Protein backbone atom coordinates (compact mmCIF):
# COMPACT_ATOMS: atom_id res chain seq x y z
CA MET A 1 47.78 61.71 10.94
CA GLN A 2 45.57 59.90 8.96
CA LEU A 3 43.62 57.36 10.70
CA ASP A 4 42.58 54.88 7.68
CA ASP A 5 43.03 51.07 6.89
CA GLN A 6 46.77 51.42 6.28
CA TYR A 7 47.48 53.39 9.48
CA PHE A 8 45.65 50.26 11.34
CA MET A 9 46.92 47.50 9.52
CA LYS A 10 50.63 49.13 10.28
CA GLN A 11 49.39 48.84 14.06
CA ALA A 12 48.23 44.82 13.24
CA LEU A 13 51.68 44.26 11.50
CA ARG A 14 53.27 45.76 14.99
CA GLU A 15 51.11 42.97 16.55
CA ALA A 16 52.36 40.33 14.17
CA GLU A 17 55.88 41.34 14.85
CA LYS A 18 55.41 40.58 18.43
CA ALA A 19 54.16 37.09 17.54
CA LYS A 20 57.56 36.40 15.37
CA THR A 21 59.72 37.38 18.57
CA CYS A 22 57.97 34.61 20.68
CA ASP A 23 58.32 32.18 17.96
CA GLU A 24 54.52 32.30 16.86
CA VAL A 25 53.49 32.39 13.51
CA PRO A 26 53.29 36.20 12.90
CA VAL A 27 50.10 37.33 12.43
CA GLY A 28 48.62 40.23 14.42
CA ALA A 29 45.39 42.05 14.88
CA VAL A 30 43.64 45.06 15.92
CA ILE A 31 39.96 46.02 16.56
CA VAL A 32 38.72 49.58 16.34
CA CYS A 33 35.97 51.31 17.35
CA GLU A 34 34.91 55.01 16.63
CA ASP A 35 38.73 55.40 15.51
CA ARG A 36 40.17 54.14 18.93
CA ILE A 37 42.20 50.60 18.98
CA ILE A 38 40.36 48.53 21.85
CA ALA A 39 41.95 45.42 21.33
CA ARG A 40 45.58 44.62 20.15
CA ALA A 41 46.62 40.72 20.00
CA HIS A 42 48.78 38.26 18.03
CA ASN A 43 48.99 34.55 17.43
CA LEU A 44 49.64 32.97 20.72
CA THR A 45 49.06 28.97 20.03
CA GLN A 46 52.42 28.18 21.09
CA THR A 47 52.83 30.31 24.24
CA LEU A 48 49.31 29.14 25.57
CA THR A 49 49.47 25.58 23.56
CA ASP A 50 46.10 26.43 22.69
CA VAL A 51 45.35 25.98 18.87
CA THR A 52 42.31 28.48 19.21
CA ALA A 53 44.70 31.28 20.56
CA HIS A 54 44.89 32.78 16.94
CA ALA A 55 45.27 36.94 16.97
CA GLU A 56 41.43 37.35 15.62
CA MET A 57 40.18 35.43 18.66
CA GLN A 58 42.14 36.93 20.99
CA ALA A 59 41.43 40.46 19.48
CA ILE A 60 37.64 39.41 19.97
CA THR A 61 37.85 38.55 23.47
CA ILE A 62 39.68 41.66 24.23
CA ALA A 63 37.34 44.03 22.55
CA ALA A 64 34.08 42.30 23.90
CA ASN A 65 35.54 42.66 27.50
CA VAL A 66 36.42 46.47 26.73
CA LEU A 67 32.81 47.15 25.14
CA GLY A 68 31.11 44.88 27.78
CA ALA A 69 29.16 43.20 24.80
CA LYS A 70 29.30 40.26 22.54
CA TYR A 71 28.51 41.87 19.34
CA LEU A 72 30.83 44.05 17.68
CA ASN A 73 28.91 45.46 15.07
CA ASP A 74 30.24 49.04 15.31
CA CYS A 75 34.07 47.73 15.13
CA THR A 76 36.38 46.87 12.42
CA LEU A 77 39.16 43.71 12.53
CA TYR A 78 42.33 44.55 11.07
CA VAL A 79 44.51 41.32 10.51
CA THR A 80 47.48 40.58 8.72
CA LEU A 81 46.30 37.30 7.20
CA GLU A 82 43.05 36.21 5.76
CA PRO A 83 41.03 34.53 8.62
CA CYS A 84 40.94 31.13 8.80
CA VAL A 85 37.24 29.12 9.19
CA MET A 86 37.36 28.98 12.97
CA CYS A 87 38.22 33.00 13.37
CA ALA A 88 35.80 33.69 10.46
CA GLY A 89 32.91 31.92 12.40
CA ALA A 90 34.14 33.72 15.65
CA ILE A 91 33.84 36.95 13.35
CA GLY A 92 30.29 36.03 12.23
CA TRP A 93 28.70 35.32 15.75
CA ALA A 94 30.60 38.67 16.91
CA GLN A 95 28.52 40.28 14.03
CA ILE A 96 32.04 42.52 13.25
CA GLY A 97 31.04 45.28 11.04
CA LYS A 98 34.11 45.21 8.73
CA VAL A 99 37.25 43.03 8.26
CA VAL A 100 40.32 44.21 6.88
CA PHE A 101 42.88 41.76 6.04
CA GLY A 102 46.41 42.30 4.36
CA ALA A 103 47.65 38.46 2.90
CA ILE A 104 45.22 36.01 1.36
CA ASP A 105 45.65 32.56 2.62
CA GLU A 106 45.23 30.31 -0.41
CA LYS A 107 45.36 27.24 1.78
CA ARG A 108 43.54 27.70 4.69
CA GLY A 109 41.53 31.08 4.12
CA TYR A 110 38.11 30.95 5.23
CA ARG A 111 36.62 31.84 1.65
CA LYS A 112 38.04 28.53 0.43
CA TYR A 113 36.27 26.64 2.79
CA ALA A 114 32.98 28.87 4.48
CA SER A 115 33.04 31.83 2.13
CA ASP A 116 29.85 32.64 3.90
CA ALA A 117 30.95 32.30 7.63
CA LEU A 118 30.74 36.14 8.19
CA HIS A 119 27.60 37.97 9.24
CA PRO A 120 25.86 38.68 5.89
CA LYS A 121 26.47 42.66 6.93
CA THR A 122 30.01 42.44 7.38
CA LYS A 123 32.24 44.32 4.88
CA VAL A 124 35.19 43.05 3.76
CA VAL A 125 38.28 44.74 2.42
CA GLU A 126 41.60 42.60 1.56
CA GLY A 127 45.00 43.21 0.20
CA VAL A 128 45.87 45.90 2.60
CA LEU A 129 49.75 45.95 3.07
CA ALA A 130 49.39 42.54 1.46
CA GLU A 131 52.99 42.62 0.31
CA GLU A 132 54.32 43.64 3.89
CA CYS A 133 51.99 41.04 5.58
CA SER A 134 52.79 38.45 3.36
CA ILE A 135 56.76 38.83 3.24
CA LEU A 136 56.49 38.60 7.18
CA LEU A 137 55.10 35.21 6.99
CA LYS A 138 57.10 33.70 4.25
CA ASP A 139 60.07 34.85 5.99
CA PHE A 140 59.21 33.25 9.18
CA PHE A 141 58.34 30.15 7.44
CA ILE A 142 62.04 30.08 5.31
CA SER A 143 63.24 30.59 8.74
CA LYS A 144 61.67 27.46 10.05
CA ARG A 145 62.93 25.04 7.26
């Protein structure tokens, strides 16, 4: 089994599916360090009644606890949707080494409002399994209308 960006994004999509079953916006995230998933999370804003409980924020907290460190330089964050400004700020403060996201968020994505929020050394890869990630989100919002 090849452990590549698509493999890990599929794991993030599994987390997004979990969010959907909890009636949360279906965004999922995993954090990988040395080809091992050290954190899995999905949106919990409804469940926790907390607007900061985005998948990325949950995953960063878990990863920091697993590693016993606040900086995640050697880690890669996989998330199904482009991070918002809040999450990009946290990603920047955690100094995550690489961010891979699926769907572009044209309305609230960090690049629209704060394109420099990430740490300068953070590598960004966009569009991994973008169609699958987008369809999951679009179907969720269609079902809400």
